[in-house]
Amino acid sequence: MPFVLSTAWIKEGKGDRLREWYAELGSRSDEAFQTLDNEGIRQEVAFILNTEHGELLCVFLEVEKDMDEANDAFFGSPFEIDRQHLAVMDETTVGGARGRAYAELMYALRNPTGGQREVHLPG
């Protein structure tokens, strides 16, 4: 399972709009789960990091296959909520929905309770 950290700078003055959108996504979880299934995303967790350079959107994803397939499914999605998400990303982030930068994965540890321990290395 690949892990991905997707980042995008938030346009000045657009942080509150982005927060509102993520609150709306939380209230529309049934729709959001359909899109995650469509994209092959097992989990998605979004953070906003306040830095001296501005606000940075950081989204952690656990992807079933790879990010290219997930992106293809997102950008070709039949779901209205994905079209709305794309529009909000275009409105609120530098470079829009297609302008995200992905962090390089160094390693990942999984320590499930009572089970096997896993180490995930890139590649």
PDB file of N, CA and C in Angstrom:
ATOM      1  N   MET A   1       0.827  -1.172   0.000  1.00  0.00           N
ATOM      2  CA  MET A   1       0.000   0.000   0.000  1.00  0.00           C
ATOM      3  C   MET A   1       0.882   1.249   0.000  1.00  0.00           C
ATOM      4  N   PRO A   2       0.842   2.055  -1.016  1.00  0.00           N
ATOM      5  CA  PRO A   2       1.627   3.291  -1.013  1.00  0.00           C
ATOM      6  C   PRO A   2       0.996   4.357  -0.105  1.00  0.00           C
ATOM      7  N   PHE A   3       1.860   5.103   0.531  1.00  0.00           N
ATOM      8  CA  PHE A   3       1.445   6.254   1.312  1.00  0.00           C
ATOM      9  C   PHE A   3       1.903   7.495   0.566  1.00  0.00           C
ATOM     10  N   VAL A   4       1.063   8.519   0.540  1.00  0.00           N
ATOM     11  CA  VAL A   4       1.370   9.734  -0.210  1.00  0.00           C
ATOM     12  C   VAL A   4       1.069  10.936   0.679  1.00  0.00           C
ATOM     13  N   LEU A   5       1.959  11.924   0.651  1.00  0.00           N
ATOM     14  CA  LEU A   5       1.692  13.210   1.267  1.00  0.00           C
ATOM     15  C   LEU A   5       1.613  14.229   0.139  1.00  0.00           C
ATOM     16  N   SER A   6       0.420  14.740  -0.058  1.00  0.00           N
ATOM     17  CA  SER A   6       0.142  15.727  -1.102  1.00  0.00           C
ATOM     18  C   SER A   6       0.094  17.099  -0.444  1.00  0.00           C
ATOM     19  N   THR A   7       0.780  18.083  -1.040  1.00  0.00           N
ATOM     20  CA  THR A   7       0.812  19.417  -0.451  1.00  0.00           C
ATOM     21  C   THR A   7       0.468  20.476  -1.490  1.00  0.00           C
ATOM     22  N   ALA A   8      -0.075  21.575  -0.997  1.00  0.00           N
ATOM     23  CA  ALA A   8      -0.362  22.730  -1.861  1.00  0.00           C
ATOM     24  C   ALA A   8      -0.425  23.972  -0.984  1.00  0.00           C
ATOM     25  N   TRP A   9       0.170  25.043  -1.457  1.00  0.00           N
ATOM     26  CA  TRP A   9       0.056  26.311  -0.743  1.00  0.00           C
ATOM     27  C   TRP A   9      -1.361  26.833  -0.911  1.00  0.00           C
ATOM     28  N   ILE A  10      -1.894  27.362   0.169  1.00  0.00           N
ATOM     29  CA  ILE A  10      -3.239  27.944   0.149  1.00  0.00           C
ATOM     30  C   ILE A  10      -3.111  29.415  -0.225  1.00  0.00           C
ATOM     31  N   LYS A  11      -3.950  29.851  -1.163  1.00  0.00           N
ATOM     32  CA  LYS A  11      -3.936  31.248  -1.583  1.00  0.00           C
ATOM     33  C   LYS A  11      -4.273  32.139  -0.388  1.00  0.00           C
ATOM     34  N   GLU A  12      -3.627  33.285  -0.356  1.00  0.00           N
ATOM     35  CA  GLU A  12      -3.860  34.224   0.739  1.00  0.00           C
ATOM     36  C   GLU A  12      -5.345  34.565   0.834  1.00  0.00           C
ATOM     37  N   GLY A  13      -5.866  34.465   2.039  1.00  0.00           N
ATOM     38  CA  GLY A  13      -7.260  34.779   2.286  1.00  0.00           C
ATOM     39  C   GLY A  13      -8.253  33.667   1.957  1.00  0.00           C
ATOM     40  N   LYS A  14      -7.761  32.508   1.525  1.00  0.00           N
ATOM     41  CA  LYS A  14      -8.649  31.407   1.128  1.00  0.00           C
ATOM     42  C   LYS A  14      -8.678  30.253   2.132  1.00  0.00           C
ATOM     43  N   GLY A  15      -7.941  30.370   3.246  1.00  0.00           N
ATOM     44  CA  GLY A  15      -7.899  29.298   4.226  1.00  0.00           C
ATOM     45  C   GLY A  15      -9.264  28.988   4.825  1.00  0.00           C
ATOM     46  N   ASP A  16     -10.035  30.029   5.142  1.00  0.00           N
ATOM     47  CA  ASP A  16     -11.352  29.790   5.731  1.00  0.00           C
ATOM     48  C   ASP A  16     -12.287  29.095   4.746  1.00  0.00           C
ATOM     49  N   ARG A  17     -12.211  29.460   3.472  1.00  0.00           N
ATOM     50  CA  ARG A  17     -13.042  28.789   2.464  1.00  0.00           C
ATOM     51  C   ARG A  17     -12.687  27.310   2.395  1.00  0.00           C
ATOM     52  N   LEU A  18     -11.396  26.992   2.456  1.00  0.00           N
ATOM     53  CA  LEU A  18     -10.950  25.606   2.413  1.00  0.00           C
ATOM     54  C   LEU A  18     -11.412  24.850   3.666  1.00  0.00           C
ATOM     55  N   ARG A  19     -11.331  25.489   4.818  1.00  0.00           N
ATOM     56  CA  ARG A  19     -11.815  24.859   6.058  1.00  0.00           C
ATOM     57  C   ARG A  19     -13.315  24.556   5.960  1.00  0.00           C
ATOM     58  N   GLU A  20     -14.076  25.507   5.416  1.00  0.00           N
ATOM     59  CA  GLU A  20     -15.518  25.297   5.230  1.00  0.00           C
ATOM     60  C   GLU A  20     -15.780  24.094   4.338  1.00  0.00           C
ATOM     61  N   TRP A  21     -14.989  23.966   3.262  1.00  0.00           N
ATOM     62  CA  TRP A  21     -15.182  22.855   2.346  1.00  0.00           C
ATOM     63  C   TRP A  21     -14.903  21.519   3.028  1.00  0.00           C
ATOM     64  N   TYR A  22     -13.818  21.446   3.796  1.00  0.00           N
ATOM     65  CA  TYR A  22     -13.517  20.192   4.475  1.00  0.00           C
ATOM     66  C   TYR A  22     -14.586  19.852   5.516  1.00  0.00           C
ATOM     67  N   ALA A  23     -15.160  20.866   6.176  1.00  0.00           N
ATOM     68  CA  ALA A  23     -16.276  20.612   7.097  1.00  0.00           C
ATOM     69  C   ALA A  23     -17.470  20.056   6.324  1.00  0.00           C
ATOM     70  N   GLU A  24     -17.727  20.608   5.140  1.00  0.00           N
ATOM     71  CA  GLU A  24     -18.822  20.103   4.305  1.00  0.00           C
ATOM     72  C   GLU A  24     -18.553  18.658   3.873  1.00  0.00           C
ATOM     73  N   LEU A  25     -17.318  18.364   3.486  1.00  0.00           N
ATOM     74  CA  LEU A  25     -16.984  16.980   3.116  1.00  0.00           C
ATOM     75  C   LEU A  25     -17.281  16.026   4.266  1.00  0.00           C
ATOM     76  N   GLY A  26     -16.954  16.444   5.482  1.00  0.00           N
ATOM     77  CA  GLY A  26     -17.227  15.611   6.644  1.00  0.00           C
ATOM     78  C   GLY A  26     -18.715  15.347   6.826  1.00  0.00           C
ATOM     79  N   SER A  27     -19.544  16.342   6.497  1.00  0.00           N
ATOM     80  CA  SER A  27     -20.990  16.171   6.635  1.00  0.00           C
ATOM     81  C   SER A  27     -21.588  15.376   5.471  1.00  0.00           C
ATOM     82  N   ARG A  28     -20.800  15.180   4.412  1.00  0.00           N
ATOM     83  CA  ARG A  28     -21.250  14.422   3.234  1.00  0.00           C
ATOM     84  C   ARG A  28     -20.420  13.141   3.097  1.00  0.00           C
ATOM     85  N   SER A  29     -20.154  12.493   4.214  1.00  0.00           N
ATOM     86  CA  SER A  29     -19.227  11.370   4.227  1.00  0.00           C
ATOM     87  C   SER A  29     -19.666  10.213   3.328  1.00  0.00           C
ATOM     88  N   ASP A  30     -20.971   9.957   3.198  1.00  0.00           N
ATOM     89  CA  ASP A  30     -21.407   8.866   2.314  1.00  0.00           C
ATOM     90  C   ASP A  30     -20.952   9.115   0.883  1.00  0.00           C
ATOM     91  N   GLU A  31     -21.104  10.345   0.405  1.00  0.00           N
ATOM     92  CA  GLU A  31     -20.642  10.702  -0.941  1.00  0.00           C
ATOM     93  C   GLU A  31     -19.120  10.626  -1.023  1.00  0.00           C
ATOM     94  N   ALA A  32     -18.458  11.123   0.019  1.00  0.00           N
ATOM     95  CA  ALA A  32     -16.992  11.128   0.024  1.00  0.00           C
ATOM     96  C   ALA A  32     -16.446   9.704  -0.021  1.00  0.00           C
ATOM     97  N   PHE A  33     -17.087   8.777   0.706  1.00  0.00           N
ATOM     98  CA  PHE A  33     -16.630   7.380   0.679  1.00  0.00           C
ATOM     99  C   PHE A  33     -16.783   6.775  -0.715  1.00  0.00           C
ATOM    100  N   GLN A  34     -17.838   7.139  -1.434  1.00  0.00           N
ATOM    101  CA  GLN A  34     -18.004   6.644  -2.811  1.00  0.00           C
ATOM    102  C   GLN A  34     -16.832   7.089  -3.677  1.00  0.00           C
ATOM    103  N   THR A  35     -16.411   8.333  -3.513  1.00  0.00           N
ATOM    104  CA  THR A  35     -15.310   8.832  -4.340  1.00  0.00           C
ATOM    105  C   THR A  35     -13.992   8.168  -3.953  1.00  0.00           C
ATOM    106  N   LEU A  36     -13.787   7.938  -2.647  1.00  0.00           N
ATOM    107  CA  LEU A  36     -12.566   7.248  -2.229  1.00  0.00           C
ATOM    108  C   LEU A  36     -12.515   5.841  -2.810  1.00  0.00           C
ATOM    109  N   ASP A  37     -13.649   5.141  -2.798  1.00  0.00           N
ATOM    110  CA  ASP A  37     -13.708   3.810  -3.417  1.00  0.00           C
ATOM    111  C   ASP A  37     -13.365   3.891  -4.895  1.00  0.00           C
ATOM    112  N   ASN A  38     -13.926   4.877  -5.579  1.00  0.00           N
ATOM    113  CA  ASN A  38     -13.683   5.065  -7.010  1.00  0.00           C
ATOM    114  C   ASN A  38     -12.203   5.317  -7.306  1.00  0.00           C
ATOM    115  N   GLU A  39     -11.531   6.023  -6.412  1.00  0.00           N
ATOM    116  CA  GLU A  39     -10.130   6.407  -6.614  1.00  0.00           C
ATOM    117  C   GLU A  39      -9.135   5.382  -6.070  1.00  0.00           C
ATOM    118  N   GLY A  40      -9.628   4.397  -5.322  1.00  0.00           N
ATOM    119  CA  GLY A  40      -8.713   3.437  -4.708  1.00  0.00           C
ATOM    120  C   GLY A  40      -7.954   4.020  -3.539  1.00  0.00           C
ATOM    121  N   ILE A  41      -8.612   4.894  -2.787  1.00  0.00           N
ATOM    122  CA  ILE A  41      -8.008   5.517  -1.611  1.00  0.00           C
ATOM    123  C   ILE A  41      -8.560   4.831  -0.372  1.00  0.00           C
ATOM    124  N   ARG A  42      -7.675   4.303   0.456  1.00  0.00           N
ATOM    125  CA  ARG A  42      -8.119   3.643   1.691  1.00  0.00           C
ATOM    126  C   ARG A  42      -8.375   4.644   2.801  1.00  0.00           C
ATOM    127  N   GLN A  43      -7.529   5.674   2.874  1.00  0.00           N
ATOM    128  CA  GLN A  43      -7.776   6.734   3.848  1.00  0.00           C
ATOM    129  C   GLN A  43      -7.201   8.034   3.342  1.00  0.00           C
ATOM    130  N   GLU A  44      -7.816   9.120   3.780  1.00  0.00           N
ATOM    131  CA  GLU A  44      -7.398  10.467   3.408  1.00  0.00           C
ATOM    132  C   GLU A  44      -7.544  11.339   4.652  1.00  0.00           C
ATOM    133  N   VAL A  45      -6.475  12.040   5.011  1.00  0.00           N
ATOM    134  CA  VAL A  45      -6.471  12.892   6.188  1.00  0.00           C
ATOM    135  C   VAL A  45      -5.869  14.231   5.782  1.00  0.00           C
ATOM    136  N   ALA A  46      -6.619  15.316   5.991  1.00  0.00           N
ATOM    137  CA  ALA A  46      -6.156  16.643   5.576  1.00  0.00           C
ATOM    138  C   ALA A  46      -5.778  17.488   6.783  1.00  0.00           C
ATOM    139  N   PHE A  47      -4.684  18.229   6.636  1.00  0.00           N
ATOM    140  CA  PHE A  47      -4.203  19.155   7.658  1.00  0.00           C
ATOM    141  C   PHE A  47      -3.934  20.499   6.996  1.00  0.00           C
ATOM    142  N   ILE A  48      -4.047  21.569   7.764  1.00  0.00           N
ATOM    143  CA  ILE A  48      -3.559  22.872   7.321  1.00  0.00           C
ATOM    144  C   ILE A  48      -2.451  23.263   8.284  1.00  0.00           C
ATOM    145  N   LEU A  49      -1.282  23.490   7.719  1.00  0.00           N
ATOM    146  CA  LEU A  49      -0.103  23.859   8.496  1.00  0.00           C
ATOM    147  C   LEU A  49       0.147  25.351   8.328  1.00  0.00           C
ATOM    148  N   ASN A  50       0.148  26.069   9.440  1.00  0.00           N
ATOM    149  CA  ASN A  50       0.457  27.497   9.403  1.00  0.00           C
ATOM    150  C   ASN A  50       1.967  27.665   9.460  1.00  0.00           C
ATOM    151  N   THR A  51       2.531  28.326   8.465  1.00  0.00           N
ATOM    152  CA  THR A  51       3.974  28.537   8.411  1.00  0.00           C
ATOM    153  C   THR A  51       4.260  30.025   8.277  1.00  0.00           C
ATOM    154  N   GLU A  52       5.509  30.387   8.403  1.00  0.00           N
ATOM    155  CA  GLU A  52       5.890  31.793   8.217  1.00  0.00           C
ATOM    156  C   GLU A  52       5.706  32.239   6.771  1.00  0.00           C
ATOM    157  N   HIS A  53       5.542  31.292   5.862  1.00  0.00           N
ATOM    158  CA  HIS A  53       5.368  31.599   4.439  1.00  0.00           C
ATOM    159  C   HIS A  53       3.901  31.566   4.007  1.00  0.00           C
ATOM    160  N   GLY A  54       3.022  31.221   4.922  1.00  0.00           N
ATOM    161  CA  GLY A  54       1.598  31.120   4.619  1.00  0.00           C
ATOM    162  C   GLY A  54       1.066  29.767   5.043  1.00  0.00           C
ATOM    163  N   GLU A  55      -0.176  29.490   4.666  1.00  0.00           N
ATOM    164  CA  GLU A  55      -0.811  28.233   5.041  1.00  0.00           C
ATOM    165  C   GLU A  55      -0.541  27.176   3.981  1.00  0.00           C
ATOM    166  N   LEU A  56      -0.251  25.969   4.454  1.00  0.00           N
ATOM    167  CA  LEU A  56       0.061  24.855   3.573  1.00  0.00           C
ATOM    168  C   LEU A  56      -0.942  23.729   3.821  1.00  0.00           C
ATOM    169  N   LEU A  57      -1.630  23.320   2.751  1.00  0.00           N
ATOM    170  CA  LEU A  57      -2.522  22.174   2.825  1.00  0.00           C
ATOM    171  C   LEU A  57      -1.678  20.917   2.689  1.00  0.00           C
ATOM    172  N   CYS A  58      -1.834  20.000   3.634  1.00  0.00           N
ATOM    173  CA  CYS A  58      -1.109  18.729   3.629  1.00  0.00           C
ATOM    174  C   CYS A  58      -2.144  17.613   3.721  1.00  0.00           C
ATOM    175  N   VAL A  59      -2.171  16.738   2.729  1.00  0.00           N
ATOM    176  CA  VAL A  59      -3.155  15.659   2.706  1.00  0.00           C
ATOM    177  C   VAL A  59      -2.411  14.330   2.670  1.00  0.00           C
ATOM    178  N   PHE A  60      -2.621  13.521   3.713  1.00  0.00           N
ATOM    179  CA  PHE A  60      -2.042  12.189   3.788  1.00  0.00           C
ATOM    180  C   PHE A  60      -3.021  11.206   3.150  1.00  0.00           C
ATOM    181  N   LEU A  61      -2.509  10.375   2.254  1.00  0.00           N
ATOM    182  CA  LEU A  61      -3.339   9.391   1.560  1.00  0.00           C
ATOM    183  C   LEU A  61      -2.717   8.010   1.668  1.00  0.00           C
ATOM    184  N   GLU A  62      -3.560   7.025   1.838  1.00  0.00           N
ATOM    185  CA  GLU A  62      -3.140   5.637   1.699  1.00  0.00           C
ATOM    186  C   GLU A  62      -3.837   5.135   0.440  1.00  0.00           C
ATOM    187  N   VAL A  63      -3.035   4.799  -0.567  1.00  0.00           N
ATOM    188  CA  VAL A  63      -3.541   4.483  -1.895  1.00  0.00           C
ATOM    189  C   VAL A  63      -3.415   2.980  -2.144  1.00  0.00           C
ATOM    190  N   GLU A  64      -4.467   2.374  -2.693  1.00  0.00           N
ATOM    191  CA  GLU A  64      -4.424   0.933  -2.962  1.00  0.00           C
ATOM    192  C   GLU A  64      -3.388   0.571  -4.014  1.00  0.00           C
ATOM    193  N   LYS A  65      -3.297   1.344  -5.092  1.00  0.00           N
ATOM    194  CA  LYS A  65      -2.351   1.019  -6.162  1.00  0.00           C
ATOM    195  C   LYS A  65      -1.296   2.105  -6.270  1.00  0.00           C
ATOM    196  N   ASP A  66      -1.592   3.162  -7.017  1.00  0.00           N
ATOM    197  CA  ASP A  66      -0.649   4.268  -7.094  1.00  0.00           C
ATOM    198  C   ASP A  66      -1.387   5.580  -7.301  1.00  0.00           C
ATOM    199  N   MET A  67      -0.689   6.664  -7.084  1.00  0.00           N
ATOM    200  CA  MET A  67      -1.291   7.991  -7.121  1.00  0.00           C
ATOM    201  C   MET A  67      -1.730   8.373  -8.529  1.00  0.00           C
ATOM    202  N   ASP A  68      -1.025   7.915  -9.553  1.00  0.00           N
ATOM    203  CA  ASP A  68      -1.431   8.231 -10.928  1.00  0.00           C
ATOM    204  C   ASP A  68      -2.819   7.681 -11.224  1.00  0.00           C
ATOM    205  N   GLU A  69      -3.083   6.438 -10.822  1.00  0.00           N
ATOM    206  CA  GLU A  69      -4.409   5.843 -11.025  1.00  0.00           C
ATOM    207  C   GLU A  69      -5.465   6.569 -10.209  1.00  0.00           C
ATOM    208  N   ALA A  70      -5.123   6.926  -8.984  1.00  0.00           N
ATOM    209  CA  ALA A  70      -6.067   7.658  -8.141  1.00  0.00           C
ATOM    210  C   ALA A  70      -6.404   9.010  -8.762  1.00  0.00           C
ATOM    211  N   ASN A  71      -5.391   9.718  -9.253  1.00  0.00           N
ATOM    212  CA  ASN A  71      -5.626  11.012  -9.901  1.00  0.00           C
ATOM    213  C   ASN A  71      -6.470  10.863 -11.164  1.00  0.00           C
ATOM    214  N   ASP A  72      -6.182   9.850 -11.974  1.00  0.00           N
ATOM    215  CA  ASP A  72      -6.986   9.615 -13.183  1.00  0.00           C
ATOM    216  C   ASP A  72      -8.448   9.417 -12.827  1.00  0.00           C
ATOM    217  N   ALA A  73      -8.709   8.647 -11.769  1.00  0.00           N
ATOM    218  CA  ALA A  73     -10.087   8.403 -11.337  1.00  0.00           C
ATOM    219  C   ALA A  73     -10.727   9.691 -10.814  1.00  0.00           C
ATOM    220  N   PHE A  74      -9.955  10.488 -10.084  1.00  0.00           N
ATOM    221  CA  PHE A  74     -10.488  11.750  -9.552  1.00  0.00           C
ATOM    222  C   PHE A  74     -10.831  12.721 -10.676  1.00  0.00           C
ATOM    223  N   PHE A  75      -9.898  12.937 -11.598  1.00  0.00           N
ATOM    224  CA  PHE A  75     -10.126  13.928 -12.652  1.00  0.00           C
ATOM    225  C   PHE A  75     -11.165  13.463 -13.673  1.00  0.00           C
ATOM    226  N   GLY A  76     -11.425  12.160 -13.751  1.00  0.00           N
ATOM    227  CA  GLY A  76     -12.464  11.629 -14.633  1.00  0.00           C
ATOM    228  C   GLY A  76     -13.698  11.167 -13.879  1.00  0.00           C
ATOM    229  N   SER A  77     -13.849  11.614 -12.656  1.00  0.00           N
ATOM    230  CA  SER A  77     -14.905  11.121 -11.775  1.00  0.00           C
ATOM    231  C   SER A  77     -16.306  11.451 -12.279  1.00  0.00           C
ATOM    232  N   PRO A  78     -17.248  10.508 -12.096  1.00  0.00           N
ATOM    233  CA  PRO A  78     -18.642  10.772 -12.432  1.00  0.00           C
ATOM    234  C   PRO A  78     -19.408  11.461 -11.296  1.00  0.00           C
ATOM    235  N   PHE A  79     -18.750  11.693 -10.157  1.00  0.00           N
ATOM    236  CA  PHE A  79     -19.436  12.206  -8.980  1.00  0.00           C
ATOM    237  C   PHE A  79     -19.405  13.738  -8.917  1.00  0.00           C
ATOM    238  N   GLU A  80     -20.558  14.327  -8.630  1.00  0.00           N
ATOM    239  CA  GLU A  80     -20.665  15.782  -8.500  1.00  0.00           C
ATOM    240  C   GLU A  80     -19.767  16.313  -7.386  1.00  0.00           C
ATOM    241  N   ILE A  81     -19.654  15.583  -6.297  1.00  0.00           N
ATOM    242  CA  ILE A  81     -18.831  16.045  -5.174  1.00  0.00           C
ATOM    243  C   ILE A  81     -17.358  16.173  -5.585  1.00  0.00           C
ATOM    244  N   ASP A  82     -16.896  15.332  -6.502  1.00  0.00           N
ATOM    245  CA  ASP A  82     -15.517  15.464  -6.992  1.00  0.00           C
ATOM    246  C   ASP A  82     -15.364  16.709  -7.864  1.00  0.00           C
ATOM    247  N   ARG A  83     -16.374  17.021  -8.658  1.00  0.00           N
ATOM    248  CA  ARG A  83     -16.310  18.258  -9.455  1.00  0.00           C
ATOM    249  C   ARG A  83     -16.284  19.478  -8.534  1.00  0.00           C
ATOM    250  N   GLN A  84     -17.066  19.416  -7.452  1.00  0.00           N
ATOM    251  CA  GLN A  84     -17.068  20.509  -6.482  1.00  0.00           C
ATOM    252  C   GLN A  84     -15.714  20.598  -5.769  1.00  0.00           C
ATOM    253  N   HIS A  85     -15.148  19.446  -5.418  1.00  0.00           N
ATOM    254  CA  HIS A  85     -13.842  19.423  -4.750  1.00  0.00           C
ATOM    255  C   HIS A  85     -12.772  20.023  -5.662  1.00  0.00           C
ATOM    256  N   LEU A  86     -12.788  19.636  -6.914  1.00  0.00           N
ATOM    257  CA  LEU A  86     -11.831  20.174  -7.877  1.00  0.00           C
ATOM    258  C   LEU A  86     -11.964  21.699  -7.962  1.00  0.00           C
ATOM    259  N   ALA A  87     -13.195  22.199  -8.036  1.00  0.00           N
ATOM    260  CA  ALA A  87     -13.420  23.648  -8.128  1.00  0.00           C
ATOM    261  C   ALA A  87     -12.911  24.369  -6.880  1.00  0.00           C
ATOM    262  N   VAL A  88     -13.131  23.788  -5.707  1.00  0.00           N
ATOM    263  CA  VAL A  88     -12.653  24.413  -4.473  1.00  0.00           C
ATOM    264  C   VAL A  88     -11.127  24.415  -4.436  1.00  0.00           C
ATOM    265  N   MET A  89     -10.501  23.311  -4.857  1.00  0.00           N
ATOM    266  CA  MET A  89      -9.037  23.274  -4.888  1.00  0.00           C
ATOM    267  C   MET A  89      -8.494  24.320  -5.864  1.00  0.00           C
ATOM    268  N   ASP A  90      -9.148  24.460  -7.015  1.00  0.00           N
ATOM    269  CA  ASP A  90      -8.716  25.471  -7.986  1.00  0.00           C
ATOM    270  C   ASP A  90      -8.864  26.881  -7.412  1.00  0.00           C
ATOM    271  N   GLU A  91      -9.938  27.093  -6.655  1.00  0.00           N
ATOM    272  CA  GLU A  91     -10.206  28.403  -6.063  1.00  0.00           C
ATOM    273  C   GLU A  91      -9.255  28.737  -4.922  1.00  0.00           C
ATOM    274  N   THR A  92      -8.883  27.750  -4.136  1.00  0.00           N
ATOM    275  CA  THR A  92      -8.204  28.039  -2.867  1.00  0.00           C
ATOM    276  C   THR A  92      -6.711  27.734  -2.830  1.00  0.00           C
ATOM    277  N   THR A  93      -6.186  26.939  -3.775  1.00  0.00           N
ATOM    278  CA  THR A  93      -4.772  26.558  -3.683  1.00  0.00           C
ATOM    279  C   THR A  93      -3.967  27.038  -4.881  1.00  0.00           C
ATOM    280  N   VAL A  94      -2.719  27.348  -4.630  1.00  0.00           N
ATOM    281  CA  VAL A  94      -1.799  27.775  -5.675  1.00  0.00           C
ATOM    282  C   VAL A  94      -1.594  26.602  -6.630  1.00  0.00           C
ATOM    283  N   GLY A  95      -1.825  26.805  -7.897  1.00  0.00           N
ATOM    284  CA  GLY A  95      -1.695  25.736  -8.880  1.00  0.00           C
ATOM    285  C   GLY A  95      -2.945  24.894  -9.022  1.00  0.00           C
ATOM    286  N   GLY A  96      -3.922  25.119  -8.147  1.00  0.00           N
ATOM    287  CA  GLY A  96      -5.194  24.401  -8.237  1.00  0.00           C
ATOM    288  C   GLY A  96      -5.063  22.914  -7.978  1.00  0.00           C
ATOM    289  N   ALA A  97      -6.089  22.180  -8.349  1.00  0.00           N
ATOM    290  CA  ALA A  97      -6.146  20.739  -8.090  1.00  0.00           C
ATOM    291  C   ALA A  97      -4.995  19.978  -8.731  1.00  0.00           C
ATOM    292  N   ARG A  98      -4.486  20.464  -9.837  1.00  0.00           N
ATOM    293  CA  ARG A  98      -3.389  19.775 -10.527  1.00  0.00           C
ATOM    294  C   ARG A  98      -2.010  20.267 -10.096  1.00  0.00           C
ATOM    295  N   GLY A  99      -1.969  21.248  -9.195  1.00  0.00           N
ATOM    296  CA  GLY A  99      -0.702  21.849  -8.813  1.00  0.00           C
ATOM    297  C   GLY A  99      -0.102  21.325  -7.525  1.00  0.00           C
ATOM    298  N   ARG A 100      -0.558  20.184  -7.072  1.00  0.00           N
ATOM    299  CA  ARG A 100      -0.045  19.645  -5.815  1.00  0.00           C
ATOM    300  C   ARG A 100       1.374  19.110  -5.967  1.00  0.00           C
ATOM    301  N   ALA A 101       2.123  19.231  -4.887  1.00  0.00           N
ATOM    302  CA  ALA A 101       3.460  18.642  -4.839  1.00  0.00           C
ATOM    303  C   ALA A 101       3.388  17.447  -3.894  1.00  0.00           C
ATOM    304  N   TYR A 102       4.082  16.372  -4.258  1.00  0.00           N
ATOM    305  CA  TYR A 102       4.071  15.162  -3.455  1.00  0.00           C
ATOM    306  C   TYR A 102       5.406  15.003  -2.748  1.00  0.00           C
ATOM    307  N   ALA A 103       5.329  14.725  -1.445  1.00  0.00           N
ATOM    308  CA  ALA A 103       6.541  14.518  -0.655  1.00  0.00           C
ATOM    309  C   ALA A 103       7.146  13.158  -0.997  1.00  0.00           C
ATOM    310  N   GLU A 104       8.451  13.057  -0.843  1.00  0.00           N
ATOM    311  CA  GLU A 104       9.150  11.790  -1.070  1.00  0.00           C
ATOM    312  C   GLU A 104       9.035  10.921   0.181  1.00  0.00           C
ATOM    313  N   LEU A 105       8.528   9.712   0.025  1.00  0.00           N
ATOM    314  CA  LEU A 105       8.377   8.786   1.140  1.00  0.00           C
ATOM    315  C   LEU A 105       9.736   8.183   1.494  1.00  0.00           C
ATOM    316  N   MET A 106      10.105   8.284   2.774  1.00  0.00           N
ATOM    317  CA  MET A 106      11.355   7.712   3.252  1.00  0.00           C
ATOM    318  C   MET A 106      11.121   6.303   3.798  1.00  0.00           C
ATOM    319  N   TYR A 107      10.137   6.145   4.663  1.00  0.00           N
ATOM    320  CA  TYR A 107       9.729   4.835   5.164  1.00  0.00           C
ATOM    321  C   TYR A 107       8.427   5.012   5.923  1.00  0.00           C
ATOM    322  N   ALA A 108       7.739   3.918   6.188  1.00  0.00           N
ATOM    323  CA  ALA A 108       6.509   3.951   6.973  1.00  0.00           C
ATOM    324  C   ALA A 108       6.473   2.717   7.857  1.00  0.00           C
ATOM    325  N   LEU A 109       6.085   2.897   9.099  1.00  0.00           N
ATOM    326  CA  LEU A 109       5.956   1.793  10.037  1.00  0.00           C
ATOM    327  C   LEU A 109       4.482   1.589  10.358  1.00  0.00           C
ATOM    328  N   ARG A 110       4.068   0.348  10.429  1.00  0.00           N
ATOM    329  CA  ARG A 110       2.709   0.028  10.844  1.00  0.00           C
ATOM    330  C   ARG A 110       2.820  -0.935  12.013  1.00  0.00           C
ATOM    331  N   ASN A 111       2.209  -0.587  13.112  1.00  0.00           N
ATOM    332  CA  ASN A 111       2.283  -1.392  14.321  1.00  0.00           C
ATOM    333  C   ASN A 111       0.863  -1.767  14.745  1.00  0.00           C
ATOM    334  N   PRO A 112       0.252  -2.715  14.047  1.00  0.00           N
ATOM    335  CA  PRO A 112      -1.113  -3.089  14.415  1.00  0.00           C
ATOM    336  C   PRO A 112      -1.109  -3.818  15.754  1.00  0.00           C
ATOM    337  N   THR A 113      -2.145  -3.604  16.524  1.00  0.00           N
ATOM    338  CA  THR A 113      -2.222  -4.242  17.831  1.00  0.00           C
ATOM    339  C   THR A 113      -2.380  -5.746  17.672  1.00  0.00           C
ATOM    340  N   GLY A 114      -1.542  -6.473  18.367  1.00  0.00           N
ATOM    341  CA  GLY A 114      -1.625  -7.925  18.376  1.00  0.00           C
ATOM    342  C   GLY A 114      -1.294  -8.599  17.059  1.00  0.00           C
ATOM    343  N   GLY A 115      -0.686  -7.904  16.140  1.00  0.00           N
ATOM    344  CA  GLY A 115      -0.422  -8.511  14.837  1.00  0.00           C
ATOM    345  C   GLY A 115       1.003  -8.314  14.394  1.00  0.00           C
ATOM    346  N   GLN A 116       1.203  -8.525  13.112  1.00  0.00           N
ATOM    347  CA  GLN A 116       2.530  -8.390  12.530  1.00  0.00           C
ATOM    348  C   GLN A 116       2.908  -6.921  12.437  1.00  0.00           C
ATOM    349  N   ARG A 117       4.198  -6.702  12.474  1.00  0.00           N
ATOM    350  CA  ARG A 117       4.721  -5.357  12.254  1.00  0.00           C
ATOM    351  C   ARG A 117       5.152  -5.253  10.800  1.00  0.00           C
ATOM    352  N   GLU A 118       4.894  -4.113  10.201  1.00  0.00           N
ATOM    353  CA  GLU A 118       5.230  -3.923   8.781  1.00  0.00           C
ATOM    354  C   GLU A 118       6.078  -2.672   8.622  1.00  0.00           C
ATOM    355  N   VAL A 119       7.037  -2.756   7.721  1.00  0.00           N
ATOM    356  CA  VAL A 119       7.815  -1.596   7.317  1.00  0.00           C
ATOM    357  C   VAL A 119       7.601  -1.439   5.822  1.00  0.00           C
ATOM    358  N   HIS A 120       7.218  -0.228   5.405  1.00  0.00           N
ATOM    359  CA  HIS A 120       6.994   0.065   3.988  1.00  0.00           C
ATOM    360  C   HIS A 120       8.103   0.990   3.511  1.00  0.00           C
ATOM    361  N   LEU A 121       8.834   0.546   2.510  1.00  0.00           N
ATOM    362  CA  LEU A 121       9.874   1.350   1.911  1.00  0.00           C
ATOM    363  C   LEU A 121       9.449   1.753   0.502  1.00  0.00           C
ATOM    364  N   PRO A 122       9.852   2.921   0.049  1.00  0.00           N
ATOM    365  CA  PRO A 122       9.468   3.336  -1.306  1.00  0.00           C
ATOM    366  C   PRO A 122      10.099   2.408  -2.341  1.00  0.00           C
ATOM    367  N   GLY A 123       9.389   2.313  -3.476  1.00  0.00           N
ATOM    368  CA  GLY A 123       9.936   1.533  -4.591  1.00  0.00           C
ATOM    369  C   GLY A 123       9.433   0.189  -4.755  1.00  0.00           C
TER     370      GLY A 123
END
